């Protein structure tokens, strides 16, 4: 739990700021119609977090899979599922970003 709190302190603020600044800019308009504002924000935040992790080369496959599930739920207008999957995607992307704080090790 302490590790997660440290990761959130280290990179969580930047991921949160990206989500606030984008406020739905990445998600397709048709998919967002019918979602609660919270679900739409969560999906947008997850897309930004996953993009940031991918850009830095630390994207976890679980984050990418959860984002895809959130997008599928958005097509079905299921706000609860979107929020759940988007939260998982954001969390796993943030944990991947936290790996950047660890020292690199050589190949064995």
C-alpha atoms as a PDB file:
ATOM      1  CA  UNK A   1       0.000   0.000   0.000  1.00  0.00           C
ATOM      2  CA  UNK A   2       2.873   2.345   0.793  1.00  0.00           C
ATOM      3  CA  UNK A   3       4.320   1.707  -2.670  1.00  0.00           C
ATOM      4  CA  UNK A   4       1.004   2.638  -4.283  1.00  0.00           C
ATOM      5  CA  UNK A   5       0.830   5.874  -2.284  1.00  0.00           C
ATOM      6  CA  UNK A   6       4.386   6.730  -3.332  1.00  0.00           C
ATOM      7  CA  UNK A   7       3.544   6.061  -6.968  1.00  0.00           C
ATOM      8  CA  UNK A   8       0.447   8.241  -6.743  1.00  0.00           C
ATOM      9  CA  UNK A   9       2.511  11.038  -5.244  1.00  0.00           C
ATOM     10  CA  UNK A  10       5.199  10.685  -7.894  1.00  0.00           C
ATOM     11  CA  UNK A  11       3.077  10.441 -11.040  1.00  0.00           C
ATOM     12  CA  UNK A  12      -0.542  10.574 -10.005  1.00  0.00           C
ATOM     13  CA  UNK A  13      -0.741  14.335 -10.070  1.00  0.00           C
ATOM     14  CA  UNK A  14       0.405  14.528 -13.668  1.00  0.00           C
ATOM     15  CA  UNK A  15      -2.013  11.789 -14.736  1.00  0.00           C
ATOM     16  CA  UNK A  16      -4.860  13.519 -12.906  1.00  0.00           C
ATOM     17  CA  UNK A  17      -3.942  16.854 -14.449  1.00  0.00           C
ATOM     18  CA  UNK A  18      -4.004  15.314 -17.906  1.00  0.00           C
ATOM     19  CA  UNK A  19      -7.478  13.946 -17.279  1.00  0.00           C
ATOM     20  CA  UNK A  20      -8.769  17.282 -16.024  1.00  0.00           C
ATOM     21  CA  UNK A  21      -7.232  19.214 -18.884  1.00  0.00           C
ATOM     22  CA  UNK A  22      -8.506  16.906 -21.594  1.00  0.00           C
ATOM     23  CA  UNK A  23     -12.028  16.519 -20.181  1.00  0.00           C
ATOM     24  CA  UNK A  24     -13.174  14.101 -22.827  1.00  0.00           C
ATOM     25  CA  UNK A  25     -11.114  15.245 -25.782  1.00  0.00           C
ATOM     26  CA  UNK A  26      -9.916  11.768 -26.770  1.00  0.00           C
ATOM     27  CA  UNK A  27     -13.091   9.738 -26.521  1.00  0.00           C
ATOM     28  CA  UNK A  28     -15.375   9.411 -29.495  1.00  0.00           C
ATOM     29  CA  UNK A  29     -18.431  11.655 -29.265  1.00  0.00           C
ATOM     30  CA  UNK A  30     -20.956   8.917 -30.051  1.00  0.00           C
ATOM     31  CA  UNK A  31     -19.531   6.651 -27.365  1.00  0.00           C
ATOM     32  CA  UNK A  32     -19.757   9.429 -24.782  1.00  0.00           C
ATOM     33  CA  UNK A  33     -23.421  10.214 -25.420  1.00  0.00           C
ATOM     34  CA  UNK A  34     -25.555   8.581 -22.773  1.00  0.00           C
ATOM     35  CA  UNK A  35     -22.784   8.219 -20.206  1.00  0.00           C
ATOM     36  CA  UNK A  36     -22.805  10.001 -16.878  1.00  0.00           C
ATOM     37  CA  UNK A  37     -20.329  12.891 -16.637  1.00  0.00           C
ATOM     38  CA  UNK A  38     -18.306  10.885 -14.121  1.00  0.00           C
ATOM     39  CA  UNK A  39     -18.037   7.902 -16.473  1.00  0.00           C
ATOM     40  CA  UNK A  40     -17.100  10.132 -19.405  1.00  0.00           C
ATOM     41  CA  UNK A  41     -14.393  11.805 -17.311  1.00  0.00           C
ATOM     42  CA  UNK A  42     -13.106   8.435 -16.075  1.00  0.00           C
ATOM     43  CA  UNK A  43     -12.851   7.140 -19.650  1.00  0.00           C
ATOM     44  CA  UNK A  44     -11.036  10.266 -20.806  1.00  0.00           C
ATOM     45  CA  UNK A  45      -8.655  10.093 -17.851  1.00  0.00           C
ATOM     46  CA  UNK A  46      -7.966   6.398 -18.522  1.00  0.00           C
ATOM     47  CA  UNK A  47      -7.204   7.109 -22.182  1.00  0.00           C
ATOM     48  CA  UNK A  48      -4.740   9.834 -21.204  1.00  0.00           C
ATOM     49  CA  UNK A  49      -3.089   7.690 -18.521  1.00  0.00           C
ATOM     50  CA  UNK A  50      -2.685   4.715 -20.870  1.00  0.00           C
ATOM     51  CA  UNK A  51      -1.313   6.979 -23.618  1.00  0.00           C
ATOM     52  CA  UNK A  52       1.240   8.435 -21.201  1.00  0.00           C
ATOM     53  CA  UNK A  53       2.336   4.976 -20.027  1.00  0.00           C
ATOM     54  CA  UNK A  54       2.602   3.767 -23.629  1.00  0.00           C
ATOM     55  CA  UNK A  55       4.656   6.827 -24.591  1.00  0.00           C
ATOM     56  CA  UNK A  56       7.097   6.062 -21.767  1.00  0.00           C
ATOM     57  CA  UNK A  57       7.301   2.356 -22.638  1.00  0.00           C
ATOM     58  CA  UNK A  58       5.781   1.112 -19.378  1.00  0.00           C
ATOM     59  CA  UNK A  59       2.245   0.211 -20.462  1.00  0.00           C
ATOM     60  CA  UNK A  60       0.933  -2.856 -18.681  1.00  0.00           C
ATOM     61  CA  UNK A  61      -1.185  -5.201 -20.767  1.00  0.00           C
ATOM     62  CA  UNK A  62      -3.824  -5.170 -18.030  1.00  0.00           C
ATOM     63  CA  UNK A  63      -4.168  -1.390 -18.422  1.00  0.00           C
ATOM     64  CA  UNK A  64      -4.622  -1.688 -22.182  1.00  0.00           C
ATOM     65  CA  UNK A  65      -7.156  -4.501 -21.765  1.00  0.00           C
ATOM     66  CA  UNK A  66      -9.142  -2.590 -19.139  1.00  0.00           C
ATOM     67  CA  UNK A  67      -9.235   0.483 -21.391  1.00  0.00           C
ATOM     68  CA  UNK A  68     -10.571  -1.622 -24.255  1.00  0.00           C
ATOM     69  CA  UNK A  69     -13.259  -3.040 -21.933  1.00  0.00           C
ATOM     70  CA  UNK A  70     -14.169   0.501 -20.863  1.00  0.00           C
ATOM     71  CA  UNK A  71     -14.536   1.536 -24.500  1.00  0.00           C
ATOM     72  CA  UNK A  72     -16.763  -1.460 -25.212  1.00  0.00           C
ATOM     73  CA  UNK A  73     -18.900  -0.626 -22.169  1.00  0.00           C
ATOM     74  CA  UNK A  74     -19.172   2.971 -23.425  1.00  0.00           C
ATOM     75  CA  UNK A  75     -20.587   1.695 -26.715  1.00  0.00           C
ATOM     76  CA  UNK A  76     -23.243  -0.100 -24.664  1.00  0.00           C
ATOM     77  CA  UNK A  77     -23.885   3.067 -22.594  1.00  0.00           C
ATOM     78  CA  UNK A  78     -23.032   1.223 -19.351  1.00  0.00           C
ATOM     79  CA  UNK A  79     -21.698   3.998 -17.119  1.00  0.00           C
ATOM     80  CA  UNK A  80     -21.022   1.747 -14.132  1.00  0.00           C
ATOM     81  CA  UNK A  81     -18.894  -0.653 -16.176  1.00  0.00           C
ATOM     82  CA  UNK A  82     -17.098   2.239 -17.886  1.00  0.00           C
ATOM     83  CA  UNK A  83     -16.189   3.713 -14.506  1.00  0.00           C
ATOM     84  CA  UNK A  84     -14.979   0.361 -13.163  1.00  0.00           C
ATOM     85  CA  UNK A  85     -12.849  -0.568 -16.167  1.00  0.00           C
ATOM     86  CA  UNK A  86     -11.525   2.977 -16.606  1.00  0.00           C
ATOM     87  CA  UNK A  87     -10.451   3.083 -12.950  1.00  0.00           C
ATOM     88  CA  UNK A  88      -8.563  -0.182 -13.411  1.00  0.00           C
ATOM     89  CA  UNK A  89      -6.907   1.109 -16.582  1.00  0.00           C
ATOM     90  CA  UNK A  90      -5.868   4.356 -14.875  1.00  0.00           C
ATOM     91  CA  UNK A  91      -4.538   2.550 -11.809  1.00  0.00           C
ATOM     92  CA  UNK A  92      -2.492   0.046 -13.802  1.00  0.00           C
ATOM     93  CA  UNK A  93      -1.143   2.794 -16.058  1.00  0.00           C
ATOM     94  CA  UNK A  94      -0.084   4.755 -12.959  1.00  0.00           C
ATOM     95  CA  UNK A  95       1.589   1.663 -11.521  1.00  0.00           C
ATOM     96  CA  UNK A  96       3.453   1.202 -14.791  1.00  0.00           C
ATOM     97  CA  UNK A  97       4.586   4.812 -14.604  1.00  0.00           C
ATOM     98  CA  UNK A  98       5.762   4.117 -11.071  1.00  0.00           C
ATOM     99  CA  UNK A  99       8.214   1.602 -12.478  1.00  0.00           C
ATOM    100  CA  UNK A 100      10.183   4.482 -13.947  1.00  0.00           C
ATOM    101  CA  UNK A 101      11.242   5.387 -10.403  1.00  0.00           C
ATOM    102  CA  UNK A 102      12.970   2.027  -9.919  1.00  0.00           C
ATOM    103  CA  UNK A 103      16.602   1.604 -10.920  1.00  0.00           C
ATOM    104  CA  UNK A 104      17.169  -0.259 -14.144  1.00  0.00           C
ATOM    105  CA  UNK A 105      18.848  -3.632 -13.883  1.00  0.00           C
ATOM    106  CA  UNK A 106      21.087  -5.344 -16.376  1.00  0.00           C
ATOM    107  CA  UNK A 107      20.125  -8.379 -18.402  1.00  0.00           C
ATOM    108  CA  UNK A 108      20.927 -11.720 -16.840  1.00  0.00           C
END
